[in-house]
Amino acid sequence: RSRSASLSTLYEQLNLPHIKRVIRVLELASNRHESEAFHDFDAQLKELSKLHIEAKDNVKFLSTLERHFKSISQGTLAEIADTIPPMMGAIRMVWVISRHYNTDERMVPLMERIAFELAERVAAELDVKHVFRMEPQDAKR
């Protein structure tokens, strides 16, 4: 969210009418003098626009997972167990629908963070040494 907010602020500032006029003047001057400086600036502006759209899209899709993340970080083990199936369904929907969160490079770190949080919560709630001393049927409860 903070990345999206930062990019949105910068993007909105660059799209203010008086800034657009300045950019247009620079573009016209650049065309007359065949300057590479404006072309570099324009490339950066296009990259900013692309990143801005991507960040907004990511916030939109990841916010649908937020309640699941809160359940994992704050819920009991029973609540966490109930959260996992719908969360996995929601993650699958993000994978299918999102234009930017549908790659391994994006999804694997997300899944790793979820797995780490699950492991931390289980470690905080269970005494593993005690569980391993129990009979398997008793440990499942």
N, C-alpha and C. Protein backbone atom coordinates (compact mmCIF):
# COMPACT_ATOMS: atom_id res chain seq x y z
N ARG A 1 0.82 -1.20 0.00
CA ARG A 1 0.00 0.00 0.00
C ARG A 1 0.85 1.25 0.00
N SER A 2 1.94 1.23 0.76
CA SER A 2 2.77 2.43 0.81
C SER A 2 3.43 2.69 -0.54
N ARG A 3 3.81 1.63 -1.23
CA ARG A 3 4.39 1.81 -2.56
C ARG A 3 3.36 2.42 -3.50
N SER A 4 2.15 1.92 -3.45
CA SER A 4 1.08 2.45 -4.29
C SER A 4 0.81 3.91 -3.96
N ALA A 5 0.78 4.24 -2.67
CA ALA A 5 0.53 5.62 -2.26
C ALA A 5 1.65 6.55 -2.75
N SER A 6 2.88 6.11 -2.62
CA SER A 6 4.02 6.93 -3.08
C SER A 6 3.98 7.14 -4.58
N LEU A 7 3.75 6.05 -5.32
CA LEU A 7 3.69 6.16 -6.78
C LEU A 7 2.49 7.01 -7.22
N SER A 8 1.38 6.87 -6.52
CA SER A 8 0.19 7.67 -6.86
C SER A 8 0.45 9.15 -6.65
N THR A 9 1.09 9.47 -5.55
CA THR A 9 1.40 10.87 -5.27
C THR A 9 2.29 11.46 -6.35
N LEU A 10 3.33 10.75 -6.68
CA LEU A 10 4.25 11.21 -7.73
C LEU A 10 3.55 11.31 -9.08
N TYR A 11 2.78 10.30 -9.42
CA TYR A 11 2.06 10.28 -10.68
C TYR A 11 1.07 11.44 -10.77
N GLU A 12 0.33 11.66 -9.69
CA GLU A 12 -0.65 12.76 -9.68
C GLU A 12 0.04 14.11 -9.79
N GLN A 13 1.18 14.28 -9.14
CA GLN A 13 1.90 15.55 -9.23
C GLN A 13 2.38 15.80 -10.65
N LEU A 14 2.85 14.76 -11.30
CA LEU A 14 3.34 14.92 -12.68
C LEU A 14 2.20 15.14 -13.67
N ASN A 15 0.98 14.89 -13.25
CA ASN A 15 -0.16 15.09 -14.14
C ASN A 15 -0.95 16.36 -13.82
N LEU A 16 -0.42 17.20 -12.94
CA LEU A 16 -1.05 18.49 -12.69
C LEU A 16 -0.95 19.34 -13.96
N PRO A 17 -1.95 20.17 -14.23
CA PRO A 17 -1.95 20.95 -15.48
C PRO A 17 -0.68 21.77 -15.71
N HIS A 18 -0.20 22.46 -14.69
CA HIS A 18 0.99 23.29 -14.90
C HIS A 18 2.25 22.45 -15.13
N ILE A 19 2.31 21.28 -14.55
CA ILE A 19 3.45 20.38 -14.79
C ILE A 19 3.37 19.81 -16.20
N LYS A 20 2.17 19.46 -16.65
CA LYS A 20 2.00 18.96 -18.01
C LYS A 20 2.43 20.01 -19.03
N ARG A 21 2.14 21.29 -18.75
CA ARG A 21 2.57 22.37 -19.65
C ARG A 21 4.09 22.46 -19.71
N VAL A 22 4.74 22.33 -18.55
CA VAL A 22 6.20 22.37 -18.51
C VAL A 22 6.77 21.20 -19.29
N ILE A 23 6.20 20.03 -19.11
CA ILE A 23 6.68 18.84 -19.84
C ILE A 23 6.50 19.04 -21.34
N ARG A 24 5.40 19.62 -21.74
CA ARG A 24 5.15 19.88 -23.17
C ARG A 24 6.18 20.85 -23.73
N VAL A 25 6.51 21.91 -22.99
CA VAL A 25 7.53 22.87 -23.43
C VAL A 25 8.88 22.16 -23.56
N LEU A 26 9.22 21.33 -22.60
CA LEU A 26 10.48 20.59 -22.67
C LEU A 26 10.51 19.65 -23.87
N GLU A 27 9.38 19.05 -24.15
CA GLU A 27 9.28 18.15 -25.31
C GLU A 27 9.50 18.92 -26.61
N LEU A 28 8.85 20.06 -26.73
CA LEU A 28 9.02 20.87 -27.94
C LEU A 28 10.46 21.35 -28.09
N ALA A 29 11.07 21.80 -26.99
CA ALA A 29 12.47 22.25 -27.03
C ALA A 29 13.39 21.08 -27.38
N SER A 30 13.09 19.92 -26.85
CA SER A 30 13.90 18.73 -27.11
C SER A 30 13.84 18.35 -28.59
N ASN A 31 12.65 18.43 -29.18
CA ASN A 31 12.50 18.10 -30.60
C ASN A 31 13.29 19.05 -31.48
N ARG A 32 13.31 20.33 -31.09
CA ARG A 32 14.04 21.33 -31.87
C ARG A 32 15.55 21.12 -31.79
N HIS A 33 16.02 20.72 -30.63
CA HIS A 33 17.47 20.62 -30.41
C HIS A 33 17.95 19.17 -30.41
N GLU A 34 17.08 18.26 -30.74
CA GLU A 34 17.42 16.83 -30.80
C GLU A 34 18.13 16.37 -29.53
N SER A 35 17.56 16.72 -28.40
CA SER A 35 18.14 16.38 -27.11
C SER A 35 17.67 15.00 -26.65
N GLU A 36 18.60 14.24 -26.12
CA GLU A 36 18.27 12.92 -25.58
C GLU A 36 17.69 13.02 -24.17
N ALA A 37 17.91 14.16 -23.51
CA ALA A 37 17.48 14.31 -22.12
C ALA A 37 15.97 14.13 -22.00
N PHE A 38 15.20 14.75 -22.86
CA PHE A 38 13.76 14.61 -22.75
C PHE A 38 13.32 13.18 -23.06
N HIS A 39 13.97 12.56 -24.01
CA HIS A 39 13.60 11.19 -24.35
C HIS A 39 13.84 10.26 -23.16
N ASP A 40 14.93 10.49 -22.42
CA ASP A 40 15.19 9.72 -21.21
C ASP A 40 14.11 10.00 -20.16
N PHE A 41 13.76 11.29 -20.01
CA PHE A 41 12.71 11.68 -19.06
C PHE A 41 11.39 11.03 -19.45
N ASP A 42 11.06 11.06 -20.72
CA ASP A 42 9.80 10.49 -21.19
C ASP A 42 9.76 8.98 -20.93
N ALA A 43 10.90 8.31 -21.12
CA ALA A 43 10.95 6.87 -20.84
C ALA A 43 10.71 6.61 -19.34
N GLN A 44 11.29 7.45 -18.48
CA GLN A 44 11.08 7.30 -17.05
C GLN A 44 9.63 7.58 -16.67
N LEU A 45 9.03 8.56 -17.33
CA LEU A 45 7.62 8.90 -17.09
C LEU A 45 6.72 7.73 -17.47
N LYS A 46 7.01 7.09 -18.57
CA LYS A 46 6.23 5.92 -18.99
C LYS A 46 6.42 4.75 -18.01
N GLU A 47 7.63 4.58 -17.52
CA GLU A 47 7.90 3.53 -16.54
C GLU A 47 7.15 3.81 -15.24
N LEU A 48 7.13 5.07 -14.82
CA LEU A 48 6.38 5.45 -13.62
C LEU A 48 4.90 5.15 -13.80
N SER A 49 4.37 5.46 -14.96
CA SER A 49 2.96 5.19 -15.24
C SER A 49 2.67 3.69 -15.15
N LYS A 50 3.55 2.89 -15.72
CA LYS A 50 3.39 1.44 -15.69
C LYS A 50 3.44 0.92 -14.25
N LEU A 51 4.40 1.41 -13.46
CA LEU A 51 4.52 0.98 -12.07
C LEU A 51 3.33 1.44 -11.23
N HIS A 52 2.83 2.62 -11.53
CA HIS A 52 1.65 3.15 -10.82
C HIS A 52 0.44 2.25 -11.05
N ILE A 53 0.20 1.88 -12.29
CA ILE A 53 -0.92 1.00 -12.63
C ILE A 53 -0.75 -0.36 -11.96
N GLU A 54 0.47 -0.89 -12.00
CA GLU A 54 0.74 -2.19 -11.38
C GLU A 54 0.52 -2.14 -9.87
N ALA A 55 0.98 -1.09 -9.23
CA ALA A 55 0.82 -0.97 -7.77
C ALA A 55 -0.66 -0.87 -7.40
N LYS A 56 -1.43 -0.09 -8.15
CA LYS A 56 -2.87 0.01 -7.87
C LYS A 56 -3.55 -1.34 -8.03
N ASP A 57 -3.18 -2.06 -9.07
CA ASP A 57 -3.75 -3.38 -9.33
C ASP A 57 -3.39 -4.35 -8.19
N ASN A 58 -2.14 -4.31 -7.75
CA ASN A 58 -1.71 -5.19 -6.67
C ASN A 58 -2.45 -4.90 -5.37
N VAL A 59 -2.63 -3.62 -5.06
CA VAL A 59 -3.36 -3.27 -3.84
C VAL A 59 -4.79 -3.79 -3.93
N LYS A 60 -5.40 -3.63 -5.10
CA LYS A 60 -6.78 -4.08 -5.28
C LYS A 60 -6.90 -5.58 -5.01
N PHE A 61 -6.01 -6.36 -5.58
CA PHE A 61 -6.12 -7.81 -5.44
C PHE A 61 -5.65 -8.28 -4.06
N LEU A 62 -4.56 -7.72 -3.56
CA LEU A 62 -4.05 -8.18 -2.27
C LEU A 62 -4.95 -7.76 -1.11
N SER A 63 -5.71 -6.69 -1.29
CA SER A 63 -6.62 -6.28 -0.21
C SER A 63 -7.74 -7.32 -0.03
N THR A 64 -8.03 -8.10 -1.07
CA THR A 64 -9.03 -9.16 -0.92
C THR A 64 -8.53 -10.29 -0.02
N LEU A 65 -7.21 -10.35 0.17
CA LEU A 65 -6.61 -11.38 1.02
C LEU A 65 -6.38 -10.90 2.45
N GLU A 66 -6.56 -9.63 2.68
CA GLU A 66 -6.20 -9.03 3.96
C GLU A 66 -6.89 -9.68 5.16
N ARG A 67 -8.17 -9.97 5.05
CA ARG A 67 -8.88 -10.57 6.19
C ARG A 67 -8.31 -11.95 6.52
N HIS A 68 -7.87 -12.67 5.50
CA HIS A 68 -7.26 -13.99 5.74
C HIS A 68 -5.92 -13.82 6.47
N PHE A 69 -5.16 -12.82 6.05
CA PHE A 69 -3.87 -12.58 6.70
C PHE A 69 -4.06 -12.19 8.16
N LYS A 70 -5.10 -11.40 8.44
CA LYS A 70 -5.38 -11.01 9.83
C LYS A 70 -5.77 -12.23 10.65
N SER A 71 -6.56 -13.12 10.07
CA SER A 71 -6.95 -14.34 10.79
C SER A 71 -5.72 -15.18 11.12
N ILE A 72 -4.80 -15.27 10.20
CA ILE A 72 -3.59 -16.06 10.44
C ILE A 72 -2.72 -15.41 11.51
N SER A 73 -2.60 -14.11 11.46
CA SER A 73 -1.70 -13.44 12.41
C SER A 73 -2.31 -13.23 13.79
N GLN A 74 -3.65 -13.25 13.89
CA GLN A 74 -4.27 -12.93 15.18
C GLN A 74 -5.21 -14.02 15.70
N GLY A 75 -5.56 -14.98 14.88
CA GLY A 75 -6.56 -15.97 15.28
C GLY A 75 -5.99 -17.12 16.08
N THR A 76 -6.90 -17.93 16.60
CA THR A 76 -6.50 -19.17 17.28
C THR A 76 -6.13 -20.19 16.21
N LEU A 77 -5.56 -21.31 16.65
CA LEU A 77 -5.19 -22.35 15.68
C LEU A 77 -6.43 -22.87 14.96
N ALA A 78 -7.53 -22.98 15.66
CA ALA A 78 -8.76 -23.46 15.02
C ALA A 78 -9.23 -22.46 13.96
N GLU A 79 -9.16 -21.18 14.28
CA GLU A 79 -9.54 -20.15 13.30
C GLU A 79 -8.60 -20.15 12.11
N ILE A 80 -7.32 -20.35 12.39
CA ILE A 80 -6.33 -20.41 11.31
C ILE A 80 -6.62 -21.59 10.40
N ALA A 81 -6.92 -22.75 11.00
CA ALA A 81 -7.23 -23.95 10.20
C ALA A 81 -8.46 -23.70 9.32
N ASP A 82 -9.44 -22.99 9.85
CA ASP A 82 -10.64 -22.67 9.06
C ASP A 82 -10.36 -21.64 7.97
N THR A 83 -9.34 -20.84 8.17
CA THR A 83 -9.00 -19.77 7.23
C THR A 83 -8.24 -20.28 6.01
N ILE A 84 -7.48 -21.33 6.18
CA ILE A 84 -6.58 -21.77 5.10
C ILE A 84 -7.31 -22.13 3.81
N PRO A 85 -8.36 -22.96 3.81
CA PRO A 85 -9.01 -23.28 2.53
C PRO A 85 -9.57 -22.06 1.78
N PRO A 86 -10.34 -21.16 2.44
CA PRO A 86 -10.82 -20.01 1.67
C PRO A 86 -9.68 -19.06 1.25
N MET A 87 -8.63 -18.98 2.07
CA MET A 87 -7.50 -18.15 1.70
C MET A 87 -6.82 -18.70 0.44
N MET A 88 -6.66 -19.99 0.38
CA MET A 88 -6.03 -20.60 -0.80
C MET A 88 -6.90 -20.37 -2.04
N GLY A 89 -8.22 -20.43 -1.87
CA GLY A 89 -9.11 -20.12 -2.99
C GLY A 89 -8.97 -18.68 -3.44
N ALA A 90 -8.86 -17.77 -2.47
CA ALA A 90 -8.69 -16.35 -2.81
C ALA A 90 -7.34 -16.11 -3.49
N ILE A 91 -6.30 -16.79 -3.02
CA ILE A 91 -4.97 -16.66 -3.65
C ILE A 91 -5.03 -17.18 -5.09
N ARG A 92 -5.74 -18.27 -5.29
CA ARG A 92 -5.89 -18.80 -6.65
C ARG A 92 -6.60 -17.79 -7.55
N MET A 93 -7.62 -17.12 -7.02
CA MET A 93 -8.33 -16.11 -7.81
C MET A 93 -7.40 -14.95 -8.17
N VAL A 94 -6.56 -14.54 -7.22
CA VAL A 94 -5.59 -13.49 -7.51
C VAL A 94 -4.65 -13.97 -8.63
N TRP A 95 -4.20 -15.20 -8.54
CA TRP A 95 -3.30 -15.77 -9.55
C TRP A 95 -3.96 -15.75 -10.94
N VAL A 96 -5.22 -16.10 -10.99
CA VAL A 96 -5.93 -16.21 -12.26
C VAL A 96 -6.28 -14.84 -12.84
N ILE A 97 -6.73 -13.92 -12.00
CA ILE A 97 -7.28 -12.65 -12.50
C ILE A 97 -6.24 -11.54 -12.60
N SER A 98 -5.32 -11.47 -11.66
CA SER A 98 -4.37 -10.36 -11.62
C SER A 98 -3.45 -10.37 -12.83
N ARG A 99 -3.17 -9.17 -13.32
CA ARG A 99 -2.23 -9.04 -14.45
C ARG A 99 -0.78 -9.07 -13.97
N HIS A 100 -0.57 -8.83 -12.66
CA HIS A 100 0.80 -8.69 -12.18
C HIS A 100 1.19 -9.71 -11.11
N TYR A 101 0.21 -10.31 -10.47
CA TYR A 101 0.50 -11.30 -9.44
C TYR A 101 0.26 -12.71 -9.96
N ASN A 102 0.50 -12.93 -11.23
CA ASN A 102 0.26 -14.25 -11.81
C ASN A 102 1.56 -14.92 -12.27
N THR A 103 2.65 -14.55 -11.60
CA THR A 103 3.94 -15.17 -11.94
C THR A 103 4.53 -15.80 -10.68
N ASP A 104 5.42 -16.75 -10.89
CA ASP A 104 6.10 -17.37 -9.76
C ASP A 104 6.92 -16.34 -8.98
N GLU A 105 7.50 -15.39 -9.70
CA GLU A 105 8.34 -14.38 -9.05
C GLU A 105 7.55 -13.56 -8.03
N ARG A 106 6.28 -13.38 -8.25
CA ARG A 106 5.43 -12.63 -7.33
C ARG A 106 4.75 -13.54 -6.31
N MET A 107 4.29 -14.69 -6.75
CA MET A 107 3.49 -15.54 -5.88
C MET A 107 4.33 -16.32 -4.87
N VAL A 108 5.52 -16.77 -5.25
CA VAL A 108 6.34 -17.56 -4.34
C VAL A 108 6.70 -16.77 -3.08
N PRO A 109 7.16 -15.51 -3.18
CA PRO A 109 7.43 -14.78 -1.94
C PRO A 109 6.19 -14.59 -1.06
N LEU A 110 5.05 -14.39 -1.67
CA LEU A 110 3.80 -14.27 -0.91
C LEU A 110 3.52 -15.57 -0.16
N MET A 111 3.63 -16.68 -0.85
CA MET A 111 3.38 -17.98 -0.22
C MET A 111 4.42 -18.26 0.87
N GLU A 112 5.66 -17.84 0.66
CA GLU A 112 6.69 -18.03 1.68
C GLU A 112 6.37 -17.22 2.94
N ARG A 113 5.88 -16.01 2.76
CA ARG A 113 5.52 -15.18 3.92
C ARG A 113 4.35 -15.79 4.68
N ILE A 114 3.40 -16.35 3.95
CA ILE A 114 2.26 -17.01 4.60
C ILE A 114 2.74 -18.23 5.37
N ALA A 115 3.59 -19.03 4.74
CA ALA A 115 4.11 -20.24 5.39
C ALA A 115 4.91 -19.88 6.65
N PHE A 116 5.70 -18.82 6.57
CA PHE A 116 6.48 -18.39 7.72
C PHE A 116 5.55 -17.96 8.87
N GLU A 117 4.53 -17.19 8.54
CA GLU A 117 3.59 -16.73 9.57
C GLU A 117 2.85 -17.91 10.19
N LEU A 118 2.46 -18.88 9.37
CA LEU A 118 1.80 -20.08 9.90
C LEU A 118 2.74 -20.84 10.85
N ALA A 119 3.99 -20.99 10.44
CA ALA A 119 4.96 -21.70 11.29
C ALA A 119 5.19 -20.95 12.60
N GLU A 120 5.27 -19.64 12.54
CA GLU A 120 5.46 -18.83 13.75
C GLU A 120 4.26 -18.99 14.70
N ARG A 121 3.07 -18.94 14.15
CA ARG A 121 1.86 -19.06 14.97
C ARG A 121 1.77 -20.44 15.62
N VAL A 122 2.05 -21.48 14.85
CA VAL A 122 2.00 -22.84 15.39
C VAL A 122 3.07 -23.00 16.48
N ALA A 123 4.27 -22.50 16.23
CA ALA A 123 5.34 -22.60 17.23
C ALA A 123 4.98 -21.86 18.51
N ALA A 124 4.27 -20.75 18.39
CA ALA A 124 3.86 -19.98 19.57
C ALA A 124 2.76 -20.67 20.35
N GLU A 125 1.93 -21.45 19.69
CA GLU A 125 0.77 -22.07 20.33
C GLU A 125 1.04 -23.49 20.84
N LEU A 126 1.97 -24.18 20.20
CA LEU A 126 2.20 -25.59 20.54
C LEU A 126 3.58 -25.80 21.12
N ASP A 127 3.64 -26.71 22.08
CA ASP A 127 4.93 -27.16 22.58
C ASP A 127 5.26 -28.44 21.80
N VAL A 128 6.13 -28.32 20.83
CA VAL A 128 6.42 -29.42 19.92
C VAL A 128 6.94 -30.64 20.66
N LYS A 129 7.78 -30.44 21.67
CA LYS A 129 8.30 -31.58 22.44
C LYS A 129 7.16 -32.35 23.10
N HIS A 130 6.21 -31.61 23.61
CA HIS A 130 5.05 -32.25 24.25
C HIS A 130 4.21 -33.02 23.22
N VAL A 131 4.00 -32.44 22.06
CA VAL A 131 3.20 -33.09 21.01
C VAL A 131 3.86 -34.39 20.57
N PHE A 132 5.19 -34.42 20.44
CA PHE A 132 5.87 -35.63 19.99
C PHE A 132 5.87 -36.74 21.05
N ARG A 133 5.61 -36.39 22.28
CA ARG A 133 5.53 -37.40 23.34
C ARG A 133 4.14 -38.02 23.42
N MET A 134 3.19 -37.41 22.77
CA MET A 134 1.80 -37.88 22.84
C MET A 134 1.57 -39.02 21.85
N GLU A 135 0.50 -39.74 22.10
CA GLU A 135 0.07 -40.76 21.14
C GLU A 135 -0.47 -40.03 19.91
N PRO A 136 -0.29 -40.59 18.71
CA PRO A 136 -0.73 -39.90 17.49
C PRO A 136 -2.20 -39.47 17.50
N GLN A 137 -3.07 -40.32 18.02
CA GLN A 137 -4.50 -39.96 18.05
C GLN A 137 -4.74 -38.77 18.99
N ASP A 138 -4.04 -38.74 20.10
CA ASP A 138 -4.20 -37.62 21.04
C ASP A 138 -3.59 -36.35 20.49
N ALA A 139 -2.51 -36.46 19.76
CA ALA A 139 -1.83 -35.29 19.20
C ALA A 139 -2.68 -34.60 18.13
N LYS A 140 -3.51 -35.37 17.43
CA LYS A 140 -4.35 -34.79 16.39
C LYS A 140 -5.41 -33.87 16.95
N ARG A 141 -5.82 -34.10 18.19
CA ARG A 141 -6.86 -33.28 18.80
C ARG A 141 -6.26 -32.01 19.20
